[in-house]
Structures are given as C-alpha cells and as structure tokens.
C-alpha cells in the first residue's frame, strides 16, 4: 500500500470555511485532490475556488456567507438583522 492511498477521501464530504483565499483555499484544493466532495463557505467569493475545484473533476457547493452571523442566527433567532 502506498502512502498516498492512506489519505484518500473518496466518498467523504468536507466543509471548508475561509476558502476564497490563503490557507483555506489551499486546504480546499488539497481535500479535493484527495477525492473529497466539498461544501465551501466564505464571506468573500467562494465561486473562484469552486471553479478551480470543479475543473479538476471534484464536486463542490459554494456558499457566500458569514459563518459567525449564521451561527448566531441558528443559536439565537433574536440576533437576526
């Protein structure tokens, strides 16, 4: 068994926040390269990262959203703006 096969993520789904740039983007690309399907979330434009991932043959769904606001709204509906 080779080392790369130990880290395959085929059939798994990963959620990556902060995926539009920097470390979050590189993590998303690495997970996709390893076979994971992705749910991408960023307050900026996750669509650019999604296009890169989809062009490599991996599956992903991008969401442009603020994770902190979403979490607060889910925990306490009175926080909605």
N, C-alpha and C. Protein backbone atom coordinates (compact mmCIF):
# COMPACT_ATOMS: atom_id res chain seq x y z
N UNK A 1 0.85 -1.18 0.00
CA UNK A 1 0.00 0.00 0.00
C UNK A 1 0.89 1.24 0.00
N UNK A 2 0.63 2.15 -0.95
CA UNK A 2 1.45 3.36 -0.99
C UNK A 2 0.88 4.42 -0.04
N UNK A 3 1.70 5.38 0.29
CA UNK A 3 1.35 6.40 1.28
C UNK A 3 0.16 7.25 0.82
N UNK A 4 0.10 7.60 -0.46
CA UNK A 4 -0.99 8.45 -0.96
C UNK A 4 -2.35 7.78 -0.78
N UNK A 5 -2.42 6.47 -0.92
CA UNK A 5 -3.70 5.78 -0.78
C UNK A 5 -4.21 5.79 0.67
N UNK A 6 -3.32 5.98 1.63
CA UNK A 6 -3.74 6.07 3.03
C UNK A 6 -4.55 7.33 3.30
N UNK A 7 -4.37 8.35 2.47
CA UNK A 7 -5.00 9.64 2.70
C UNK A 7 -6.11 9.95 1.69
N UNK A 8 -6.61 8.96 0.99
CA UNK A 8 -7.71 9.16 0.04
C UNK A 8 -9.00 9.46 0.80
N UNK A 9 -9.78 10.37 0.26
CA UNK A 9 -11.03 10.79 0.90
C UNK A 9 -12.23 10.55 0.00
N UNK A 10 -12.12 9.61 -0.90
CA UNK A 10 -13.23 9.29 -1.80
C UNK A 10 -14.46 8.91 -0.98
N UNK A 11 -15.61 9.46 -1.38
CA UNK A 11 -16.86 9.17 -0.67
C UNK A 11 -17.07 9.99 0.58
N UNK A 12 -16.14 10.87 0.91
CA UNK A 12 -16.26 11.73 2.09
C UNK A 12 -16.60 13.15 1.66
N UNK A 13 -17.24 13.91 2.55
CA UNK A 13 -17.57 15.31 2.29
C UNK A 13 -16.92 16.17 3.37
N UNK A 14 -16.29 17.25 2.95
CA UNK A 14 -15.63 18.16 3.88
C UNK A 14 -16.25 19.55 3.77
N UNK A 15 -16.33 20.25 4.90
CA UNK A 15 -16.79 21.63 4.92
C UNK A 15 -15.56 22.49 5.18
N UNK A 16 -15.33 23.47 4.29
CA UNK A 16 -14.18 24.35 4.43
C UNK A 16 -14.68 25.79 4.50
N UNK A 17 -14.36 26.48 5.59
CA UNK A 17 -14.69 27.90 5.72
C UNK A 17 -13.44 28.71 5.41
N UNK A 18 -13.64 29.92 4.95
CA UNK A 18 -12.49 30.76 4.59
C UNK A 18 -11.79 30.25 3.35
N UNK A 19 -12.57 29.73 2.40
CA UNK A 19 -12.00 29.03 1.26
C UNK A 19 -11.64 29.93 0.08
N UNK A 20 -11.91 31.22 0.15
CA UNK A 20 -11.70 32.09 -1.01
C UNK A 20 -10.23 32.44 -1.24
N UNK A 21 -9.42 32.34 -0.20
CA UNK A 21 -8.02 32.73 -0.35
C UNK A 21 -7.17 32.10 0.73
N UNK A 22 -5.89 32.19 0.54
CA UNK A 22 -4.93 31.79 1.55
C UNK A 22 -5.00 30.32 1.94
N UNK A 23 -4.82 30.07 3.23
CA UNK A 23 -4.76 28.71 3.76
C UNK A 23 -6.06 27.95 3.53
N UNK A 24 -7.20 28.59 3.72
CA UNK A 24 -8.48 27.93 3.50
C UNK A 24 -8.62 27.42 2.07
N UNK A 25 -8.19 28.23 1.11
CA UNK A 25 -8.25 27.84 -0.30
C UNK A 25 -7.34 26.64 -0.56
N UNK A 26 -6.14 26.68 -0.03
CA UNK A 26 -5.19 25.58 -0.23
C UNK A 26 -5.69 24.28 0.42
N UNK A 27 -6.32 24.40 1.58
CA UNK A 27 -6.91 23.22 2.24
C UNK A 27 -8.01 22.64 1.36
N UNK A 28 -8.88 23.50 0.83
CA UNK A 28 -9.97 23.04 -0.03
C UNK A 28 -9.41 22.33 -1.27
N UNK A 29 -8.41 22.91 -1.91
CA UNK A 29 -7.81 22.30 -3.09
C UNK A 29 -7.16 20.96 -2.75
N UNK A 30 -6.50 20.88 -1.61
CA UNK A 30 -5.87 19.63 -1.18
C UNK A 30 -6.88 18.54 -0.89
N UNK A 31 -7.98 18.90 -0.22
CA UNK A 31 -9.02 17.91 0.06
C UNK A 31 -9.66 17.41 -1.23
N UNK A 32 -9.89 18.33 -2.17
CA UNK A 32 -10.46 17.93 -3.46
C UNK A 32 -9.50 17.01 -4.20
N UNK A 33 -8.23 17.33 -4.16
CA UNK A 33 -7.21 16.49 -4.82
C UNK A 33 -7.18 15.08 -4.22
N UNK A 34 -7.53 14.99 -2.94
CA UNK A 34 -7.56 13.69 -2.26
C UNK A 34 -8.87 12.95 -2.45
N UNK A 35 -9.81 13.53 -3.20
CA UNK A 35 -11.04 12.83 -3.53
C UNK A 35 -12.28 13.24 -2.79
N UNK A 36 -12.18 14.21 -1.88
CA UNK A 36 -13.35 14.63 -1.11
C UNK A 36 -14.28 15.50 -1.94
N UNK A 37 -15.57 15.42 -1.66
CA UNK A 37 -16.53 16.40 -2.14
C UNK A 37 -16.53 17.52 -1.10
N UNK A 38 -16.82 18.75 -1.54
CA UNK A 38 -16.66 19.89 -0.64
C UNK A 38 -17.89 20.77 -0.55
N UNK A 39 -18.10 21.31 0.63
CA UNK A 39 -19.02 22.42 0.86
C UNK A 39 -18.11 23.60 1.22
N UNK A 40 -18.16 24.63 0.39
CA UNK A 40 -17.27 25.78 0.56
C UNK A 40 -18.05 26.97 1.10
N UNK A 41 -17.49 27.64 2.08
CA UNK A 41 -18.14 28.83 2.64
C UNK A 41 -17.11 29.92 2.85
N UNK A 42 -17.48 31.13 2.44
CA UNK A 42 -16.60 32.28 2.67
C UNK A 42 -17.43 33.54 2.59
N UNK A 43 -17.01 34.55 3.32
CA UNK A 43 -17.69 35.84 3.28
C UNK A 43 -17.36 36.57 1.99
N UNK A 44 -16.24 36.19 1.36
CA UNK A 44 -15.85 36.75 0.07
C UNK A 44 -16.46 35.93 -1.04
N UNK A 45 -15.76 35.68 -2.11
CA UNK A 45 -16.30 34.98 -3.26
C UNK A 45 -15.77 33.56 -3.36
N UNK A 46 -16.49 32.58 -2.82
CA UNK A 46 -16.02 31.19 -2.89
C UNK A 46 -16.14 30.59 -4.29
N UNK A 47 -16.83 31.28 -5.21
CA UNK A 47 -17.04 30.73 -6.55
C UNK A 47 -15.74 30.54 -7.31
N UNK A 48 -14.74 31.40 -7.09
CA UNK A 48 -13.46 31.25 -7.78
C UNK A 48 -12.78 29.94 -7.38
N UNK A 49 -12.78 29.65 -6.10
CA UNK A 49 -12.21 28.39 -5.62
C UNK A 49 -13.05 27.22 -6.13
N UNK A 50 -14.37 27.38 -6.15
CA UNK A 50 -15.25 26.32 -6.63
C UNK A 50 -14.96 25.99 -8.10
N UNK A 51 -14.72 27.01 -8.92
CA UNK A 51 -14.40 26.77 -10.33
C UNK A 51 -13.11 25.97 -10.47
N UNK A 52 -12.10 26.31 -9.67
CA UNK A 52 -10.84 25.57 -9.70
C UNK A 52 -11.05 24.11 -9.32
N UNK A 53 -11.83 23.89 -8.29
CA UNK A 53 -12.08 22.53 -7.80
C UNK A 53 -12.87 21.73 -8.85
N UNK A 54 -13.91 22.34 -9.38
CA UNK A 54 -14.72 21.64 -10.38
C UNK A 54 -13.94 21.34 -11.66
N UNK A 55 -13.01 22.23 -12.03
CA UNK A 55 -12.21 21.99 -13.23
C UNK A 55 -11.26 20.81 -13.05
N UNK A 56 -10.99 20.46 -11.79
CA UNK A 56 -10.14 19.29 -11.53
C UNK A 56 -10.94 18.00 -11.47
N UNK A 57 -12.28 18.13 -11.59
CA UNK A 57 -13.14 16.95 -11.59
C UNK A 57 -13.81 16.64 -10.27
N UNK A 58 -13.51 17.41 -9.24
CA UNK A 58 -14.12 17.19 -7.93
C UNK A 58 -15.46 17.92 -7.84
N UNK A 59 -16.27 17.53 -6.88
CA UNK A 59 -17.59 18.13 -6.67
C UNK A 59 -17.54 19.09 -5.50
N UNK A 60 -18.27 20.22 -5.63
CA UNK A 60 -18.35 21.16 -4.51
C UNK A 60 -19.58 22.04 -4.66
N UNK A 61 -19.99 22.60 -3.53
CA UNK A 61 -21.10 23.55 -3.48
C UNK A 61 -20.57 24.78 -2.74
N UNK A 62 -20.51 25.95 -3.41
CA UNK A 62 -20.03 27.16 -2.73
C UNK A 62 -21.18 27.96 -2.10
N UNK A 63 -20.91 28.54 -0.95
CA UNK A 63 -21.86 29.43 -0.27
C UNK A 63 -21.13 30.71 0.10
N UNK A 64 -21.66 31.85 -0.33
CA UNK A 64 -21.12 33.13 0.11
C UNK A 64 -21.89 33.53 1.36
N UNK A 65 -21.22 33.44 2.51
CA UNK A 65 -21.91 33.69 3.77
C UNK A 65 -20.91 34.03 4.87
N UNK A 66 -21.41 34.67 5.90
CA UNK A 66 -20.63 34.96 7.10
C UNK A 66 -20.97 33.88 8.13
N UNK A 67 -20.05 33.00 8.37
CA UNK A 67 -20.27 31.86 9.27
C UNK A 67 -20.65 32.31 10.68
N UNK A 68 -20.01 33.36 11.19
CA UNK A 68 -20.31 33.82 12.55
C UNK A 68 -21.75 34.28 12.65
N UNK A 69 -22.22 35.07 11.69
CA UNK A 69 -23.60 35.54 11.71
C UNK A 69 -24.57 34.37 11.59
N UNK A 70 -24.27 33.44 10.70
CA UNK A 70 -25.13 32.26 10.53
C UNK A 70 -25.24 31.49 11.83
N UNK A 71 -24.11 31.28 12.51
CA UNK A 71 -24.12 30.53 13.76
C UNK A 71 -24.94 31.26 14.83
N UNK A 72 -24.75 32.56 14.94
CA UNK A 72 -25.52 33.32 15.93
C UNK A 72 -27.01 33.24 15.63
N UNK A 73 -27.38 33.33 14.36
CA UNK A 73 -28.79 33.25 13.99
C UNK A 73 -29.37 31.89 14.31
N UNK A 74 -28.58 30.83 14.12
CA UNK A 74 -29.06 29.49 14.41
C UNK A 74 -29.23 29.28 15.92
N UNK A 75 -28.32 29.84 16.72
CA UNK A 75 -28.36 29.64 18.17
C UNK A 75 -29.40 30.54 18.84
N UNK A 76 -29.57 31.75 18.29
CA UNK A 76 -30.47 32.71 18.92
C UNK A 76 -31.21 33.49 17.83
N UNK A 77 -32.40 33.07 17.47
CA UNK A 77 -33.14 33.73 16.38
C UNK A 77 -33.35 35.22 16.61
N UNK A 78 -33.30 35.70 17.84
CA UNK A 78 -33.50 37.12 18.09
C UNK A 78 -32.31 37.97 17.62
N UNK A 79 -31.19 37.31 17.25
CA UNK A 79 -29.99 38.04 16.76
C UNK A 79 -30.10 38.39 15.30
N UNK A 80 -31.12 37.94 14.60
CA UNK A 80 -31.22 38.20 13.16
C UNK A 80 -31.30 39.70 12.88
N UNK A 81 -30.59 40.10 11.83
CA UNK A 81 -30.60 41.53 11.46
C UNK A 81 -31.44 41.72 10.21
